[in-house]
N, C-alpha and C. Protein backbone atom coordinates (compact mmCIF):
# COMPACT_ATOMS: atom_id res chain seq x y z
N MET A 1 -3.95 3.13 0.68
CA MET A 1 -3.02 4.06 1.28
C MET A 1 -3.19 4.06 2.80
N LEU A 2 -4.41 3.90 3.25
CA LEU A 2 -4.65 3.86 4.69
C LEU A 2 -3.97 2.65 5.31
N ARG A 3 -3.92 1.54 4.59
CA ARG A 3 -3.23 0.34 5.09
C ARG A 3 -1.75 0.60 5.31
N TRP A 4 -1.12 1.35 4.38
CA TRP A 4 0.30 1.67 4.53
C TRP A 4 0.52 2.54 5.77
N THR A 5 -0.39 3.50 5.99
CA THR A 5 -0.26 4.35 7.16
C THR A 5 -0.33 3.53 8.44
N ILE A 6 -1.30 2.63 8.50
CA ILE A 6 -1.45 1.78 9.68
C ILE A 6 -0.24 0.87 9.85
N THR A 7 0.26 0.34 8.74
CA THR A 7 1.44 -0.53 8.79
C THR A 7 2.64 0.21 9.38
N PHE A 8 2.89 1.43 8.89
CA PHE A 8 4.05 2.18 9.39
C PHE A 8 3.86 2.63 10.83
N ILE A 9 2.62 2.91 11.25
CA ILE A 9 2.38 3.25 12.65
C ILE A 9 2.70 2.05 13.54
N ILE A 10 2.26 0.86 13.12
CA ILE A 10 2.54 -0.35 13.90
C ILE A 10 4.04 -0.61 13.97
N ILE A 11 4.74 -0.45 12.85
CA ILE A 11 6.20 -0.64 12.84
C ILE A 11 6.87 0.36 13.77
N ALA A 12 6.39 1.62 13.76
CA ALA A 12 6.97 2.64 14.62
C ALA A 12 6.75 2.31 16.09
N ILE A 13 5.56 1.82 16.42
CA ILE A 13 5.27 1.46 17.82
C ILE A 13 6.15 0.30 18.27
N ILE A 14 6.24 -0.73 17.45
CA ILE A 14 7.06 -1.90 17.80
C ILE A 14 8.53 -1.50 17.94
N ALA A 15 9.02 -0.70 16.98
CA ALA A 15 10.42 -0.27 17.03
C ALA A 15 10.66 0.62 18.25
N GLY A 16 9.69 1.46 18.60
CA GLY A 16 9.83 2.31 19.78
C GLY A 16 9.89 1.50 21.06
N VAL A 17 9.06 0.46 21.15
CA VAL A 17 9.06 -0.40 22.33
C VAL A 17 10.39 -1.14 22.44
N LEU A 18 10.93 -1.57 21.33
CA LEU A 18 12.19 -2.32 21.35
C LEU A 18 13.41 -1.43 21.44
N GLY A 19 13.22 -0.12 21.30
CA GLY A 19 14.32 0.82 21.49
C GLY A 19 15.10 1.16 20.24
N PHE A 20 14.54 0.90 19.09
CA PHE A 20 15.21 1.26 17.83
C PHE A 20 14.77 2.67 17.43
N GLY A 21 15.45 3.67 17.95
CA GLY A 21 15.05 5.07 17.76
C GLY A 21 15.01 5.52 16.32
N GLY A 22 16.05 5.19 15.56
CA GLY A 22 16.10 5.64 14.16
C GLY A 22 14.99 5.03 13.32
N ILE A 23 14.76 3.74 13.50
CA ILE A 23 13.72 3.05 12.74
C ILE A 23 12.35 3.56 13.15
N ALA A 24 12.15 3.78 14.45
CA ALA A 24 10.87 4.27 14.94
C ALA A 24 10.59 5.66 14.40
N GLY A 25 11.59 6.51 14.39
CA GLY A 25 11.43 7.87 13.88
C GLY A 25 11.11 7.89 12.40
N ALA A 26 11.81 7.06 11.64
CA ALA A 26 11.58 7.00 10.20
C ALA A 26 10.18 6.46 9.90
N SER A 27 9.79 5.42 10.59
CA SER A 27 8.46 4.84 10.37
C SER A 27 7.36 5.82 10.76
N ALA A 28 7.55 6.51 11.86
CA ALA A 28 6.56 7.50 12.29
C ALA A 28 6.47 8.64 11.28
N GLY A 29 7.60 9.05 10.76
CA GLY A 29 7.60 10.11 9.74
C GLY A 29 6.87 9.69 8.48
N ILE A 30 7.12 8.49 8.02
CA ILE A 30 6.44 7.98 6.83
C ILE A 30 4.94 7.85 7.08
N ALA A 31 4.58 7.37 8.27
CA ALA A 31 3.17 7.23 8.62
C ALA A 31 2.47 8.59 8.63
N LYS A 32 3.14 9.62 9.14
CA LYS A 32 2.55 10.97 9.16
C LYS A 32 2.34 11.48 7.75
N ILE A 33 3.34 11.30 6.90
CA ILE A 33 3.23 11.77 5.51
C ILE A 33 2.08 11.07 4.80
N LEU A 34 2.01 9.75 4.93
CA LEU A 34 0.93 9.00 4.29
C LEU A 34 -0.43 9.38 4.85
N PHE A 35 -0.50 9.66 6.15
CA PHE A 35 -1.76 10.08 6.75
C PHE A 35 -2.24 11.39 6.14
N PHE A 36 -1.34 12.36 6.00
CA PHE A 36 -1.75 13.65 5.45
C PHE A 36 -2.11 13.54 3.98
N ILE A 37 -1.41 12.71 3.23
CA ILE A 37 -1.78 12.49 1.83
C ILE A 37 -3.17 11.88 1.75
N PHE A 38 -3.44 10.89 2.60
CA PHE A 38 -4.76 10.26 2.65
C PHE A 38 -5.83 11.28 3.03
N LEU A 39 -5.54 12.14 3.98
CA LEU A 39 -6.48 13.15 4.42
C LEU A 39 -6.81 14.13 3.30
N VAL A 40 -5.79 14.59 2.58
CA VAL A 40 -6.00 15.51 1.46
C VAL A 40 -6.84 14.85 0.37
N LEU A 41 -6.53 13.61 0.03
CA LEU A 41 -7.30 12.91 -0.99
C LEU A 41 -8.75 12.71 -0.56
N PHE A 42 -8.96 12.45 0.72
CA PHE A 42 -10.31 12.29 1.25
C PHE A 42 -11.10 13.59 1.12
N VAL A 43 -10.49 14.71 1.50
CA VAL A 43 -11.16 16.01 1.41
C VAL A 43 -11.46 16.35 -0.05
N LEU A 44 -10.52 16.08 -0.93
CA LEU A 44 -10.75 16.34 -2.36
C LEU A 44 -11.89 15.48 -2.90
N SER A 45 -11.98 14.24 -2.46
CA SER A 45 -13.08 13.37 -2.88
C SER A 45 -14.42 13.90 -2.38
N LEU A 46 -14.44 14.38 -1.15
CA LEU A 46 -15.67 14.95 -0.61
C LEU A 46 -16.09 16.19 -1.39
N LEU A 47 -15.14 17.07 -1.66
CA LEU A 47 -15.45 18.28 -2.42
C LEU A 47 -15.93 17.96 -3.83
N LYS A 48 -15.31 16.99 -4.46
CA LYS A 48 -15.72 16.60 -5.80
C LYS A 48 -17.15 16.06 -5.79
N GLY A 49 -17.49 15.29 -4.77
CA GLY A 49 -18.84 14.76 -4.65
C GLY A 49 -19.87 15.84 -4.41
N VAL A 50 -19.52 16.83 -3.59
CA VAL A 50 -20.45 17.94 -3.28
C VAL A 50 -20.64 18.83 -4.50
N LEU A 51 -19.57 19.10 -5.23
CA LEU A 51 -19.66 19.99 -6.40
C LEU A 51 -20.35 19.34 -7.58
N LYS A 52 -20.39 18.01 -7.62
CA LYS A 52 -21.06 17.30 -8.72
C LYS A 52 -22.58 17.46 -8.65
N LYS A 53 -23.11 17.61 -7.46
CA LYS A 53 -24.57 17.65 -7.28
C LYS A 53 -25.15 18.93 -7.76
C-alpha cells in the first residue's frame, strides 16, 4: 500500500510540473487517502502487538 501512495505522489508531482491540474489534484487526493489508510493500519498493527504481550 505504501508503494501505491508513493506512486500517486510521484504522478501528482509530475502532472503538477507539466501543468495538468486535474490529474495532479486527483493523484494527490488518492495519495492522501492511501497514506491515511496506511497510517491507520500501521497504528492498529502497533496496538495489536502491544496488547498481545
